[in-house]
Amino acid sequence: MDDVLKSKYEEAIWIAKALFQHRIITGTTGNISFLHNKKMYITKSGSCLGKLDMDSFAITDLNGNILFNKPSKEYIMHLALYNSNETYKAIIHTKNILCI
């Protein structure tokens, strides 16, 4: 694994755990993805965002072909966003609404 990919994993895991610890998200109520070398890395189906590690991610190509693990059921939405705008590099999708 190259250093850039390792860093992206670490950042995604840190963000997910921070959101979980601050109770912005709970359990499996969201998913997180990022791009690397024309592949999408997205949390696996059923992953708890507060307990992620590098094995908690699935990998697809940008056409939606699953390359590793079963992705979150919303991987198609993530792919649509990435394919609609090349400036998108990561997506955090939560299902909780927080009003402050």
Protein backbone atom coordinates (compact mmCIF):
# COMPACT_ATOMS: atom_id res chain seq x y z
CA MET A 1 0.00 0.00 0.00
CA ASP A 2 1.40 3.40 -0.93
CA ASP A 3 1.72 6.21 1.60
CA VAL A 4 -0.99 8.34 -0.04
CA LEU A 5 -3.57 5.53 0.15
CA LYS A 6 -2.61 4.79 3.75
CA SER A 7 -3.06 8.47 4.62
CA LYS A 8 -6.50 8.57 2.97
CA TYR A 9 -7.59 5.51 4.94
CA GLU A 10 -6.33 7.04 8.18
CA GLU A 11 -8.10 10.36 7.53
CA ALA A 12 -11.40 8.68 6.62
CA ILE A 13 -11.26 6.50 9.73
CA TRP A 14 -10.37 9.47 11.94
CA ILE A 15 -13.25 11.56 10.55
CA ALA A 16 -15.77 8.75 10.95
CA LYS A 17 -14.69 8.06 14.54
CA ALA A 18 -14.80 11.78 15.41
CA LEU A 19 -18.33 12.09 14.02
CA PHE A 20 -19.34 9.00 16.00
CA GLN A 21 -17.71 10.15 19.25
CA HIS A 22 -19.41 13.56 18.99
CA ARG A 23 -22.74 11.78 18.39
CA ILE A 24 -23.25 13.42 15.02
CA ILE A 25 -23.70 9.91 13.64
CA THR A 26 -24.60 6.65 15.31
CA GLY A 27 -23.74 3.08 14.44
CA THR A 28 -24.35 2.29 10.80
CA THR A 29 -26.26 5.50 10.00
CA GLY A 30 -23.97 6.67 7.26
CA ASN A 31 -21.08 5.86 4.99
CA ILE A 32 -17.84 7.43 3.90
CA SER A 33 -15.88 7.10 0.68
CA PHE A 34 -12.82 8.48 -1.03
CA LEU A 35 -11.10 8.15 -4.38
CA HIS A 36 -7.62 6.82 -5.05
CA ASN A 37 -6.08 5.85 -8.40
CA LYS A 38 -9.43 5.75 -10.22
CA LYS A 39 -11.00 3.51 -7.58
CA MET A 40 -13.57 4.26 -4.93
CA TYR A 41 -12.98 3.09 -1.37
CA ILE A 42 -16.27 3.03 0.56
CA THR A 43 -17.33 1.62 3.88
CA LYS A 44 -18.58 -1.95 3.68
CA SER A 45 -22.23 -2.77 4.07
CA GLY A 46 -23.14 -2.78 7.77
CA SER A 47 -19.97 -1.04 8.97
CA CYS A 48 -20.15 0.88 12.25
CA LEU A 49 -18.52 4.24 11.59
CA GLY A 50 -17.27 4.39 15.17
CA LYS A 51 -15.30 1.17 14.77
CA LEU A 52 -13.71 1.43 11.33
CA ASP A 53 -10.34 0.08 10.33
CA MET A 54 -8.79 -0.49 6.91
CA ASP A 55 -10.66 -3.79 6.55
CA SER A 56 -13.97 -1.92 6.88
CA PHE A 57 -13.84 -0.67 3.29
CA ALA A 58 -14.95 -2.10 -0.03
CA ILE A 59 -13.37 -1.11 -3.34
CA THR A 60 -15.08 -0.46 -6.67
CA ASP A 61 -13.95 0.96 -9.97
CA LEU A 62 -15.62 4.14 -11.23
CA ASN A 63 -18.02 2.10 -13.37
CA GLY A 64 -19.47 0.40 -10.28
CA ASN A 65 -17.74 -2.94 -10.62
CA ILE A 66 -17.11 -4.33 -7.14
CA LEU A 67 -13.46 -5.27 -6.74
CA PHE A 68 -13.26 -6.11 -3.03
CA ASN A 69 -15.81 -6.62 -0.22
CA LYS A 70 -19.51 -5.76 -0.31
CA PRO A 71 -19.91 -1.96 -0.41
CA SER A 72 -22.50 0.12 1.36
CA LYS A 73 -25.82 -0.15 -0.47
CA GLU A 74 -25.45 3.53 -1.34
CA TYR A 75 -22.25 3.07 -3.34
CA ILE A 76 -24.17 3.90 -6.54
CA MET A 77 -25.02 7.35 -5.13
CA HIS A 78 -21.35 7.96 -4.25
CA LEU A 79 -20.28 6.89 -7.75
CA ALA A 80 -22.88 9.16 -9.35
CA LEU A 81 -21.53 12.13 -7.41
CA TYR A 82 -17.89 11.33 -8.24
CA ASN A 83 -18.73 10.83 -11.91
CA SER A 84 -20.75 14.08 -12.03
CA ASN A 85 -17.97 16.31 -10.75
CA GLU A 86 -14.28 15.51 -10.96
CA THR A 87 -13.46 17.90 -8.11
CA TYR A 88 -15.11 15.54 -5.58
CA LYS A 89 -12.49 13.46 -3.82
CA ALA A 90 -14.35 12.21 -0.71
CA ILE A 91 -17.96 11.94 0.45
CA ILE A 92 -19.46 11.63 3.91
CA HIS A 93 -23.12 10.64 3.86
CA THR A 94 -25.02 10.65 7.13
CA LYS A 95 -28.63 9.94 7.88
CA ASN A 96 -28.89 11.94 11.10
CA ILE A 97 -30.00 15.55 11.16
CA LEU A 98 -28.37 17.71 13.79
CA CYS A 99 -29.90 21.06 14.61
CA ILE A 100 -27.84 23.48 16.65
